[in-house]
C-alpha atoms as a PDB file:
ATOM      1  CA  UNK A   1     192.329  72.550 152.666  1.00  0.00           C
ATOM      2  CA  UNK A   2     194.684  74.586 153.247  1.00  0.00           C
ATOM      3  CA  UNK A   3     195.840  76.196 157.461  1.00  0.00           C
ATOM      4  CA  UNK A   4     193.127  78.196 158.692  1.00  0.00           C
ATOM      5  CA  UNK A   5     193.581  79.519 161.437  1.00  0.00           C
ATOM      6  CA  UNK A   6     190.676  80.376 164.384  1.00  0.00           C
ATOM      7  CA  UNK A   7     189.692  80.110 167.624  1.00  0.00           C
ATOM      8  CA  UNK A   8     189.003  77.516 169.886  1.00  0.00           C
ATOM      9  CA  UNK A   9     186.677  78.277 172.931  1.00  0.00           C
ATOM     10  CA  UNK A  10     186.394  75.649 176.295  1.00  0.00           C
ATOM     11  CA  UNK A  11     182.911  76.992 177.562  1.00  0.00           C
ATOM     12  CA  UNK A  12     183.386  74.523 180.870  1.00  0.00           C
ATOM     13  CA  UNK A  13     186.402  76.746 181.867  1.00  0.00           C
ATOM     14  CA  UNK A  14     185.450  79.929 180.423  1.00  0.00           C
ATOM     15  CA  UNK A  15     184.675  82.563 183.542  1.00  0.00           C
ATOM     16  CA  UNK A  16     183.199  86.123 181.334  1.00  0.00           C
ATOM     17  CA  UNK A  17     186.078  87.636 183.261  1.00  0.00           C
ATOM     18  CA  UNK A  18     186.222  89.622 180.194  1.00  0.00           C
ATOM     19  CA  UNK A  19     190.486  89.617 180.117  1.00  0.00           C
ATOM     20  CA  UNK A  20     190.222  88.683 176.861  1.00  0.00           C
ATOM     21  CA  UNK A  21     188.270  91.903 175.848  1.00  0.00           C
ATOM     22  CA  UNK A  22     190.385  94.127 177.764  1.00  0.00           C
ATOM     23  CA  UNK A  23     193.800  92.508 176.255  1.00  0.00           C
ATOM     24  CA  UNK A  24     192.000  93.778 172.626  1.00  0.00           C
ATOM     25  CA  UNK A  25     191.668  97.029 173.884  1.00  0.00           C
ATOM     26  CA  UNK A  26     194.792  97.777 175.214  1.00  0.00           C
ATOM     27  CA  UNK A  27     196.364  95.880 172.194  1.00  0.00           C
ATOM     28  CA  UNK A  28     195.095  98.183 169.258  1.00  0.00           C
ATOM     29  CA  UNK A  29     194.988 101.617 171.369  1.00  0.00           C
ATOM     30  CA  UNK A  30     190.995 101.976 170.581  1.00  0.00           C
ATOM     31  CA  UNK A  31     188.953 103.370 173.511  1.00  0.00           C
ATOM     32  CA  UNK A  32     185.766 103.083 171.219  1.00  0.00           C
ATOM     33  CA  UNK A  33     185.987  99.942 169.277  1.00  0.00           C
ATOM     34  CA  UNK A  34     185.447  96.430 170.811  1.00  0.00           C
ATOM     35  CA  UNK A  35     186.684  93.733 168.110  1.00  0.00           C
ATOM     36  CA  UNK A  36     186.213  90.852 171.295  1.00  0.00           C
ATOM     37  CA  UNK A  37     183.394  90.856 173.636  1.00  0.00           C
ATOM     38  CA  UNK A  38     182.187  88.517 175.992  1.00  0.00           C
ATOM     39  CA  UNK A  39     178.622  87.806 176.248  1.00  0.00           C
ATOM     40  CA  UNK A  40     176.473  85.551 178.075  1.00  0.00           C
ATOM     41  CA  UNK A  41     174.875  82.614 176.736  1.00  0.00           C
ATOM     42  CA  UNK A  42     173.096  80.516 179.237  1.00  0.00           C
ATOM     43  CA  UNK A  43     172.433  79.637 182.680  1.00  0.00           C
ATOM     44  CA  UNK A  44     171.921  76.658 183.698  1.00  0.00           C
ATOM     45  CA  UNK A  45     172.893  74.361 187.168  1.00  0.00           C
ATOM     46  CA  UNK A  46     176.314  75.039 186.755  1.00  0.00           C
ATOM     47  CA  UNK A  47     175.882  78.331 186.362  1.00  0.00           C
ATOM     48  CA  UNK A  48     175.814  81.165 183.693  1.00  0.00           C
ATOM     49  CA  UNK A  49     178.069  79.885 180.526  1.00  0.00           C
ATOM     50  CA  UNK A  50     179.972  82.719 178.357  1.00  0.00           C
ATOM     51  CA  UNK A  51     181.172  83.257 174.460  1.00  0.00           C
ATOM     52  CA  UNK A  52     183.608  85.360 173.671  1.00  0.00           C
ATOM     53  CA  UNK A  53     183.656  85.957 170.535  1.00  0.00           C
ATOM     54  CA  UNK A  54     185.379  88.432 167.745  1.00  0.00           C
ATOM     55  CA  UNK A  55     185.677  87.853 164.172  1.00  0.00           C
ATOM     56  CA  UNK A  56     185.487  84.129 162.874  1.00  0.00           C
ATOM     57  CA  UNK A  57     188.027  84.570 160.334  1.00  0.00           C
ATOM     58  CA  UNK A  58     185.041  82.652 158.267  1.00  0.00           C
ATOM     59  CA  UNK A  59     185.943  80.205 155.606  1.00  0.00           C
ATOM     60  CA  UNK A  60     182.894  82.182 154.094  1.00  0.00           C
ATOM     61  CA  UNK A  61     183.359  86.078 154.787  1.00  0.00           C
ATOM     62  CA  UNK A  62     180.227  88.002 153.663  1.00  0.00           C
ATOM     63  CA  UNK A  63     182.263  90.874 154.394  1.00  0.00           C
ATOM     64  CA  UNK A  64     184.726  90.136 151.717  1.00  0.00           C
ATOM     65  CA  UNK A  65     181.749  89.274 149.664  1.00  0.00           C
ATOM     66  CA  UNK A  66     179.725  92.787 150.205  1.00  0.00           C
ATOM     67  CA  UNK A  67     182.334  95.033 150.352  1.00  0.00           C
ATOM     68  CA  UNK A  68     182.286  97.223 146.850  1.00  0.00           C
ATOM     69  CA  UNK A  69     185.419  98.682 147.225  1.00  0.00           C
ATOM     70  CA  UNK A  70     187.916  95.267 148.445  1.00  0.00           C
ATOM     71  CA  UNK A  71     189.058  96.492 151.409  1.00  0.00           C
ATOM     72  CA  UNK A  72     188.736  92.665 152.951  1.00  0.00           C
ATOM     73  CA  UNK A  73     191.656  90.060 152.157  1.00  0.00           C
ATOM     74  CA  UNK A  74     191.745  86.738 153.205  1.00  0.00           C
ATOM     75  CA  UNK A  75     195.177  85.292 153.293  1.00  0.00           C
ATOM     76  CA  UNK A  76     196.931  81.605 153.069  1.00  0.00           C
ATOM     77  CA  UNK A  77     196.149  80.868 156.701  1.00  0.00           C
ATOM     78  CA  UNK A  78     193.181  81.821 156.513  1.00  0.00           C
ATOM     79  CA  UNK A  79     193.273  84.804 158.567  1.00  0.00           C
ATOM     80  CA  UNK A  80     190.213  87.931 157.216  1.00  0.00           C
ATOM     81  CA  UNK A  81     192.551  91.752 156.536  1.00  0.00           C
ATOM     82  CA  UNK A  82     190.367  94.891 156.169  1.00  0.00           C
ATOM     83  CA  UNK A  83     192.760  97.123 155.040  1.00  0.00           C
ATOM     84  CA  UNK A  84     190.867 101.222 155.593  1.00  0.00           C
ATOM     85  CA  UNK A  85     193.334 103.101 152.968  1.00  0.00           C
ATOM     86  CA  UNK A  86     190.160 101.609 150.914  1.00  0.00           C
ATOM     87  CA  UNK A  87     187.007 101.682 153.195  1.00  0.00           C
ATOM     88  CA  UNK A  88     184.737 104.233 152.123  1.00  0.00           C
ATOM     89  CA  UNK A  89     183.032 103.603 155.380  1.00  0.00           C
ATOM     90  CA  UNK A  90     179.762 102.153 153.425  1.00  0.00           C
ATOM     91  CA  UNK A  91     178.985  99.848 156.358  1.00  0.00           C
ATOM     92  CA  UNK A  92     177.978  96.968 153.589  1.00  0.00           C
ATOM     93  CA  UNK A  93     180.279  94.923 155.464  1.00  0.00           C
ATOM     94  CA  UNK A  94     178.806  95.804 158.598  1.00  0.00           C
ATOM     95  CA  UNK A  95     175.280  95.129 157.582  1.00  0.00           C
ATOM     96  CA  UNK A  96     175.819  92.096 155.874  1.00  0.00           C
ATOM     97  CA  UNK A  97     178.178  90.336 158.711  1.00  0.00           C
ATOM     98  CA  UNK A  98     176.244  87.643 161.134  1.00  0.00           C
ATOM     99  CA  UNK A  99     178.127  87.782 163.714  1.00  0.00           C
ATOM    100  CA  UNK A 100     177.793  91.658 164.213  1.00  0.00           C
ATOM    101  CA  UNK A 101     181.936  91.878 164.027  1.00  0.00           C
ATOM    102  CA  UNK A 102     182.953  94.918 161.447  1.00  0.00           C
ATOM    103  CA  UNK A 103     182.807  97.936 163.762  1.00  0.00           C
ATOM    104  CA  UNK A 104     183.408 101.870 163.009  1.00  0.00           C
ATOM    105  CA  UNK A 105     185.704 103.582 163.893  1.00  0.00           C
ATOM    106  CA  UNK A 106     183.903 106.847 165.135  1.00  0.00           C
ATOM    107  CA  UNK A 107     187.343 109.166 165.647  1.00  0.00           C
ATOM    108  CA  UNK A 108     187.871 107.665 161.568  1.00  0.00           C
ATOM    109  CA  UNK A 109     184.629 106.675 160.249  1.00  0.00           C
ATOM    110  CA  UNK A 110     186.518 103.736 158.991  1.00  0.00           C
ATOM    111  CA  UNK A 111     185.537 100.057 159.175  1.00  0.00           C
ATOM    112  CA  UNK A 112     187.523  98.249 161.453  1.00  0.00           C
ATOM    113  CA  UNK A 113     187.730  94.628 163.160  1.00  0.00           C
ATOM    114  CA  UNK A 114     189.978  92.344 164.228  1.00  0.00           C
ATOM    115  CA  UNK A 115     193.365  91.037 162.459  1.00  0.00           C
ATOM    116  CA  UNK A 116     194.004  87.646 164.550  1.00  0.00           C
ATOM    117  CA  UNK A 117     196.836  90.056 165.801  1.00  0.00           C
ATOM    118  CA  UNK A 118     198.633  89.760 162.897  1.00  0.00           C
ATOM    119  CA  UNK A 119     201.691  91.325 164.332  1.00  0.00           C
ATOM    120  CA  UNK A 120     202.003  89.522 167.169  1.00  0.00           C
ATOM    121  CA  UNK A 121     201.488  86.339 165.515  1.00  0.00           C
ATOM    122  CA  UNK A 122     204.559  87.108 163.238  1.00  0.00           C
ATOM    123  CA  UNK A 123     206.580  88.106 166.021  1.00  0.00           C
ATOM    124  CA  UNK A 124     205.556  84.007 167.046  1.00  0.00           C
ATOM    125  CA  UNK A 125     203.390  85.418 170.029  1.00  0.00           C
ATOM    126  CA  UNK A 126     199.181  84.510 170.737  1.00  0.00           C
ATOM    127  CA  UNK A 127     196.732  86.890 169.783  1.00  0.00           C
ATOM    128  CA  UNK A 128     197.037  88.916 173.158  1.00  0.00           C
ATOM    129  CA  UNK A 129     192.760  88.101 173.697  1.00  0.00           C
ATOM    130  CA  UNK A 130     194.434  84.072 173.722  1.00  0.00           C
ATOM    131  CA  UNK A 131     197.570  85.272 176.166  1.00  0.00           C
ATOM    132  CA  UNK A 132     195.468  87.325 178.743  1.00  0.00           C
ATOM    133  CA  UNK A 133     193.088  84.036 178.984  1.00  0.00           C
ATOM    134  CA  UNK A 134     194.420  83.018 182.556  1.00  0.00           C
ATOM    135  CA  UNK A 135     191.977  79.892 182.802  1.00  0.00           C
ATOM    136  CA  UNK A 136     192.925  78.887 179.248  1.00  0.00           C
ATOM    137  CA  UNK A 137     189.699  78.667 177.682  1.00  0.00           C
ATOM    138  CA  UNK A 138     190.994  80.444 174.491  1.00  0.00           C
ATOM    139  CA  UNK A 139     193.223  79.407 172.297  1.00  0.00           C
ATOM    140  CA  UNK A 140     194.421  80.338 168.546  1.00  0.00           C
ATOM    141  CA  UNK A 141     194.669  76.723 167.275  1.00  0.00           C
ATOM    142  CA  UNK A 142     195.183  75.492 162.978  1.00  0.00           C
ATOM    143  CA  UNK A 143     191.995  73.874 162.228  1.00  0.00           C
ATOM    144  CA  UNK A 144     193.030  72.977 159.768  1.00  0.00           C
ATOM    145  CA  UNK A 145     194.895  70.552 161.835  1.00  0.00           C
ATOM    146  CA  UNK A 146     192.051  69.979 164.490  1.00  0.00           C
ATOM    147  CA  UNK A 147     188.695  69.595 162.947  1.00  0.00           C
ATOM    148  CA  UNK A 148     187.919  66.187 164.245  1.00  0.00           C
ATOM    149  CA  UNK A 149     188.481  66.822 167.878  1.00  0.00           C
ATOM    150  CA  UNK A 150     186.146  65.039 170.045  1.00  0.00           C
ATOM    151  CA  UNK A 151     183.997  67.092 171.842  1.00  0.00           C
ATOM    152  CA  UNK A 152     185.203  70.521 169.996  1.00  0.00           C
ATOM    153  CA  UNK A 153     182.218  71.688 167.459  1.00  0.00           C
ATOM    154  CA  UNK A 154     180.672  74.389 165.588  1.00  0.00           C
ATOM    155  CA  UNK A 155     178.156  75.789 167.603  1.00  0.00           C
ATOM    156  CA  UNK A 156     174.919  75.499 165.857  1.00  0.00           C
ATOM    157  CA  UNK A 157     173.368  78.700 166.851  1.00  0.00           C
ATOM    158  CA  UNK A 158     175.350  80.927 165.243  1.00  0.00           C
ATOM    159  CA  UNK A 159     173.758  82.460 162.365  1.00  0.00           C
ATOM    160  CA  UNK A 160     174.268  81.332 158.769  1.00  0.00           C
ATOM    161  CA  UNK A 161     176.752  79.181 159.654  1.00  0.00           C
ATOM    162  CA  UNK A 162     176.671  76.644 157.434  1.00  0.00           C
ATOM    163  CA  UNK A 163     177.569  79.095 154.494  1.00  0.00           C
ATOM    164  CA  UNK A 164     180.438  81.394 156.320  1.00  0.00           C
ATOM    165  CA  UNK A 165     181.765  79.022 158.032  1.00  0.00           C
ATOM    166  CA  UNK A 166     182.993  80.385 160.830  1.00  0.00           C
ATOM    167  CA  UNK A 167     186.761  79.348 162.042  1.00  0.00           C
ATOM    168  CA  UNK A 168     185.596  79.074 165.329  1.00  0.00           C
ATOM    169  CA  UNK A 169     185.183  76.071 167.512  1.00  0.00           C
ATOM    170  CA  UNK A 170     183.645  75.473 170.893  1.00  0.00           C
ATOM    171  CA  UNK A 171     184.404  73.015 173.659  1.00  0.00           C
ATOM    172  CA  UNK A 172     180.274  72.589 174.526  1.00  0.00           C
ATOM    173  CA  UNK A 173     179.509  72.045 178.439  1.00  0.00           C
ATOM    174  CA  UNK A 174     177.644  68.492 179.067  1.00  0.00           C
ATOM    175  CA  UNK A 175     174.335  69.706 178.166  1.00  0.00           C
ATOM    176  CA  UNK A 176     174.779  72.250 175.667  1.00  0.00           C
ATOM    177  CA  UNK A 177     171.788  74.949 175.428  1.00  0.00           C
ATOM    178  CA  UNK A 178     172.273  77.965 173.082  1.00  0.00           C
ATOM    179  CA  UNK A 179     170.568  81.049 172.927  1.00  0.00           C
ATOM    180  CA  UNK A 180     172.163  83.064 171.014  1.00  0.00           C
ATOM    181  CA  UNK A 181     171.425  87.528 171.208  1.00  0.00           C
ATOM    182  CA  UNK A 182     172.001  89.600 168.345  1.00  0.00           C
ATOM    183  CA  UNK A 183     172.975  93.195 169.682  1.00  0.00           C
ATOM    184  CA  UNK A 184     175.264  92.024 172.893  1.00  0.00           C
END
């Protein structure tokens, strides 16, 4: 396996502050499109747990498979990018993504999505959402080097995980439970 950049989220640390959401909005200057969102997934005796989600830059992205205009492509480092100049706004990618990641920009009527802050990556910086995480719950990692870390796993409750193989790893609480709620 080649390089595969992805996100590592420690559910034990995330406090649901939405700093990552706000940083993403500020970085991309979009007031209508949320590329990253924080959702509550479970409430247990230790409190509410949160899941910070953006594009998972999947190993087998559905957006690439269904786009007839070939707007999406995958870089060698695993980042899935979108070419808005090719997009006709058909939204087939929106319907196909099990994580509801591609969003329609109401100003352009074209689809857009998280680009892992490639401009920042090229400058040697972390994605804006990672930089904004004051508790260190969200990290950008090369998953090809860190696939077998203890306590690190994919969330089995995420939709069609075996097919898309999202590049998101999660450090779970000691007693993990998961309630994936679509549409959040």
